[in-house]
Structures are given as C-alpha cells and as structure tokens.
C-alpha cells in the first residue's frame, strides 16, 4: 500500500498469517519512510514482483518502521 504523508511517502507492508489461517489472526502494518513519490512507487513495484516469486526476505524494524530489507532467502 502506498500512502502520502505531509513530508514523506510510505510504502506499507501488511503482514498476516498464510491462507487458510489468515481469517482468524490480526494483520500488522509495517512501513518504509520514503522521500520521493518515484522512489516509493519503485519500491512498491519491486516488492510486488518479489513477493510474487514466493521467496522470503528479512526486514529490520524500529517499532512499525522498516529500517532495512535483505532480499533473498536467509
């Protein structure tokens, strides 16, 4: 999900359990803080394509904010 804020953009990753168990769990939003709209759109497209491959990635969090991402299976 792409959000526009006053001084930045957010690319939000909504995380929940896998199907068919996702109907009974809570979802958790984690976000990247991005300076420009173009960078946010590029990151959203890259994440969308990567998630379609079924591979995993590792994120480093500071609260709900994603500080870094490591592409590829650990």
N, C-alpha and C. Protein backbone atom coordinates (compact mmCIF):
# COMPACT_ATOMS: atom_id res chain seq x y z
N UNK A 1 0.85 -1.16 0.00
CA UNK A 1 0.00 0.00 0.00
C UNK A 1 0.90 1.23 0.00
N UNK A 2 0.54 2.24 -0.76
CA UNK A 2 1.30 3.49 -0.86
C UNK A 2 0.50 4.60 -0.20
N UNK A 3 1.15 5.31 0.75
CA UNK A 3 0.50 6.40 1.46
C UNK A 3 1.26 7.69 1.25
N UNK A 4 0.53 8.79 1.18
CA UNK A 4 1.14 10.11 1.08
C UNK A 4 1.00 10.80 2.43
N UNK A 5 2.12 11.24 3.01
CA UNK A 5 2.12 11.98 4.26
C UNK A 5 2.56 13.41 3.98
N UNK A 6 2.52 14.27 4.99
CA UNK A 6 2.86 15.68 4.80
C UNK A 6 4.26 15.88 4.24
N UNK A 7 5.26 15.19 4.81
CA UNK A 7 6.64 15.42 4.39
C UNK A 7 7.34 14.17 3.85
N UNK A 8 6.60 13.10 3.63
CA UNK A 8 7.19 11.89 3.08
C UNK A 8 6.09 10.96 2.55
N UNK A 9 6.53 9.87 1.94
CA UNK A 9 5.62 8.83 1.46
C UNK A 9 5.90 7.57 2.25
N UNK A 10 4.92 6.69 2.31
CA UNK A 10 5.10 5.41 2.99
C UNK A 10 4.68 4.28 2.06
N UNK A 11 5.52 3.27 2.04
CA UNK A 11 5.15 2.01 1.40
C UNK A 11 4.89 1.07 2.57
N UNK A 12 3.64 0.62 2.69
CA UNK A 12 3.23 -0.18 3.83
C UNK A 12 3.07 -1.63 3.43
N UNK A 13 3.67 -2.49 4.21
CA UNK A 13 3.58 -3.94 4.03
C UNK A 13 2.63 -4.46 5.10
N UNK A 14 1.51 -5.05 4.69
CA UNK A 14 0.53 -5.58 5.63
C UNK A 14 0.79 -7.08 5.77
N UNK A 15 1.15 -7.48 6.98
CA UNK A 15 1.58 -8.85 7.24
C UNK A 15 0.49 -9.60 8.02
N UNK A 16 0.18 -10.81 7.57
CA UNK A 16 -0.75 -11.67 8.30
C UNK A 16 -0.34 -13.12 8.09
N UNK A 17 -1.09 -14.02 8.67
CA UNK A 17 -0.80 -15.44 8.53
C UNK A 17 -1.13 -15.92 7.12
N UNK A 18 -0.61 -17.06 6.75
CA UNK A 18 -0.86 -17.63 5.41
C UNK A 18 -2.26 -18.19 5.31
N UNK A 19 -2.78 -18.22 4.09
CA UNK A 19 -4.07 -18.84 3.81
C UNK A 19 -3.96 -20.33 4.10
N UNK A 20 -4.87 -20.99 4.68
CA UNK A 20 -6.24 -20.62 5.02
C UNK A 20 -6.40 -20.11 6.45
N UNK A 21 -5.29 -19.87 7.18
CA UNK A 21 -5.37 -19.49 8.58
C UNK A 21 -5.50 -17.98 8.79
N UNK A 22 -5.41 -17.20 7.72
CA UNK A 22 -5.39 -15.75 7.85
C UNK A 22 -6.73 -15.15 8.28
N UNK A 23 -7.81 -15.89 8.25
CA UNK A 23 -9.11 -15.34 8.63
C UNK A 23 -9.24 -15.16 10.14
N UNK A 24 -8.40 -15.81 10.94
CA UNK A 24 -8.56 -15.76 12.39
C UNK A 24 -7.40 -15.07 13.12
N UNK A 25 -6.56 -14.34 12.40
CA UNK A 25 -5.43 -13.66 13.03
C UNK A 25 -5.51 -12.16 12.75
N UNK A 26 -4.72 -11.40 13.52
CA UNK A 26 -4.62 -9.96 13.28
C UNK A 26 -3.59 -9.68 12.20
N UNK A 27 -3.81 -8.60 11.47
CA UNK A 27 -2.83 -8.13 10.49
C UNK A 27 -1.98 -7.05 11.13
N UNK A 28 -0.73 -6.93 10.68
CA UNK A 28 0.18 -5.94 11.24
C UNK A 28 0.80 -5.13 10.12
N UNK A 29 0.65 -3.80 10.13
CA UNK A 29 1.25 -2.96 9.09
C UNK A 29 2.66 -2.51 9.48
N UNK A 30 3.60 -2.69 8.57
CA UNK A 30 4.97 -2.19 8.72
C UNK A 30 5.26 -1.31 7.52
N UNK A 31 6.00 -0.22 7.72
CA UNK A 31 6.16 0.73 6.62
C UNK A 31 7.60 1.17 6.41
N UNK A 32 7.89 1.55 5.16
CA UNK A 32 9.12 2.22 4.77
C UNK A 32 8.82 3.71 4.68
N UNK A 33 9.68 4.55 5.19
CA UNK A 33 9.56 6.00 5.03
C UNK A 33 10.40 6.39 3.82
N UNK A 34 9.77 6.96 2.79
CA UNK A 34 10.42 7.27 1.53
C UNK A 34 10.27 8.77 1.24
N UNK A 35 11.34 9.40 0.72
CA UNK A 35 11.32 10.84 0.48
C UNK A 35 10.56 11.25 -0.77
N UNK A 36 10.66 10.48 -1.85
CA UNK A 36 10.03 10.91 -3.10
C UNK A 36 8.98 9.90 -3.56
N UNK A 37 8.03 10.40 -4.32
CA UNK A 37 6.97 9.55 -4.83
C UNK A 37 7.52 8.50 -5.80
N UNK A 38 8.48 8.89 -6.62
CA UNK A 38 9.07 7.95 -7.58
C UNK A 38 9.76 6.79 -6.87
N UNK A 39 10.54 7.08 -5.83
CA UNK A 39 11.20 6.03 -5.07
C UNK A 39 10.18 5.10 -4.41
N UNK A 40 9.09 5.67 -3.89
CA UNK A 40 8.06 4.87 -3.25
C UNK A 40 7.38 3.95 -4.26
N UNK A 41 7.06 4.47 -5.43
CA UNK A 41 6.45 3.64 -6.47
C UNK A 41 7.39 2.54 -6.94
N UNK A 42 8.68 2.87 -7.09
CA UNK A 42 9.66 1.86 -7.50
C UNK A 42 9.78 0.75 -6.46
N UNK A 43 9.83 1.12 -5.18
CA UNK A 43 9.94 0.13 -4.11
C UNK A 43 8.68 -0.74 -4.06
N UNK A 44 7.51 -0.13 -4.19
CA UNK A 44 6.26 -0.90 -4.17
C UNK A 44 6.22 -1.90 -5.32
N UNK A 45 6.64 -1.48 -6.50
CA UNK A 45 6.65 -2.38 -7.66
C UNK A 45 7.66 -3.51 -7.45
N UNK A 46 8.85 -3.18 -6.93
CA UNK A 46 9.87 -4.20 -6.68
C UNK A 46 9.38 -5.23 -5.66
N UNK A 47 8.76 -4.75 -4.57
CA UNK A 47 8.24 -5.66 -3.56
C UNK A 47 7.13 -6.54 -4.13
N UNK A 48 6.25 -5.98 -4.94
CA UNK A 48 5.16 -6.73 -5.54
C UNK A 48 5.70 -7.86 -6.42
N UNK A 49 6.67 -7.53 -7.27
CA UNK A 49 7.27 -8.55 -8.14
C UNK A 49 7.99 -9.62 -7.33
N UNK A 50 8.70 -9.19 -6.28
CA UNK A 50 9.46 -10.13 -5.47
C UNK A 50 8.53 -11.07 -4.71
N UNK A 51 7.46 -10.54 -4.14
CA UNK A 51 6.53 -11.37 -3.39
C UNK A 51 5.83 -12.38 -4.28
N UNK A 52 5.63 -12.03 -5.55
CA UNK A 52 5.03 -12.97 -6.49
C UNK A 52 5.91 -14.19 -6.74
N UNK A 53 7.21 -14.09 -6.50
CA UNK A 53 8.12 -15.22 -6.70
C UNK A 53 7.98 -16.27 -5.60
N UNK A 54 7.42 -15.88 -4.44
CA UNK A 54 7.28 -16.80 -3.33
C UNK A 54 8.51 -16.88 -2.44
N UNK A 55 9.55 -16.12 -2.77
CA UNK A 55 10.75 -16.11 -1.94
C UNK A 55 10.53 -15.24 -0.71
N UNK A 56 11.35 -15.46 0.31
CA UNK A 56 11.22 -14.68 1.54
C UNK A 56 12.27 -13.57 1.57
N UNK A 57 12.04 -12.59 2.41
CA UNK A 57 13.03 -11.56 2.67
C UNK A 57 13.01 -11.23 4.15
N UNK A 58 14.08 -10.61 4.63
CA UNK A 58 14.24 -10.28 6.04
C UNK A 58 14.18 -8.77 6.21
N UNK A 59 13.41 -8.31 7.19
CA UNK A 59 13.32 -6.87 7.46
C UNK A 59 13.82 -6.58 8.87
N UNK A 60 14.40 -5.40 9.04
CA UNK A 60 14.82 -4.90 10.35
C UNK A 60 13.84 -3.79 10.73
N UNK A 61 13.26 -3.91 11.94
CA UNK A 61 12.22 -2.98 12.36
C UNK A 61 12.70 -2.05 13.47
N UNK A 62 12.10 -0.86 13.49
CA UNK A 62 12.19 0.07 14.60
C UNK A 62 10.75 0.45 14.91
N UNK A 63 10.11 -0.27 15.80
CA UNK A 63 8.67 -0.12 16.01
C UNK A 63 7.96 -0.69 14.80
N UNK A 64 7.14 0.13 14.14
CA UNK A 64 6.44 -0.29 12.94
C UNK A 64 7.16 0.11 11.66
N UNK A 65 8.26 0.86 11.81
CA UNK A 65 9.00 1.32 10.64
C UNK A 65 10.06 0.31 10.22
N UNK A 66 10.11 0.00 8.93
CA UNK A 66 11.13 -0.90 8.39
C UNK A 66 12.38 -0.08 8.12
N UNK A 67 13.47 -0.43 8.79
CA UNK A 67 14.73 0.29 8.61
C UNK A 67 15.56 -0.28 7.47
N UNK A 68 15.49 -1.60 7.26
CA UNK A 68 16.25 -2.20 6.16
C UNK A 68 15.57 -3.48 5.72
N UNK A 69 15.93 -3.89 4.50
CA UNK A 69 15.38 -5.12 3.94
C UNK A 69 16.54 -5.90 3.30
N UNK A 70 16.54 -7.21 3.52
CA UNK A 70 17.53 -8.09 2.93
C UNK A 70 16.78 -9.03 1.99
N UNK A 71 16.98 -8.82 0.68
CA UNK A 71 16.28 -9.62 -0.32
C UNK A 71 16.89 -10.99 -0.40
N UNK A 72 16.10 -12.00 -0.56
CA UNK A 72 16.59 -13.37 -0.72
C UNK A 72 16.36 -14.18 0.53
N UNK A 73 16.37 -15.46 0.34
CA UNK A 73 16.14 -16.36 1.47
C UNK A 73 17.36 -16.40 2.35
N UNK A 74 17.15 -16.28 3.68
CA UNK A 74 18.30 -16.25 4.61
C UNK A 74 19.02 -17.58 4.69
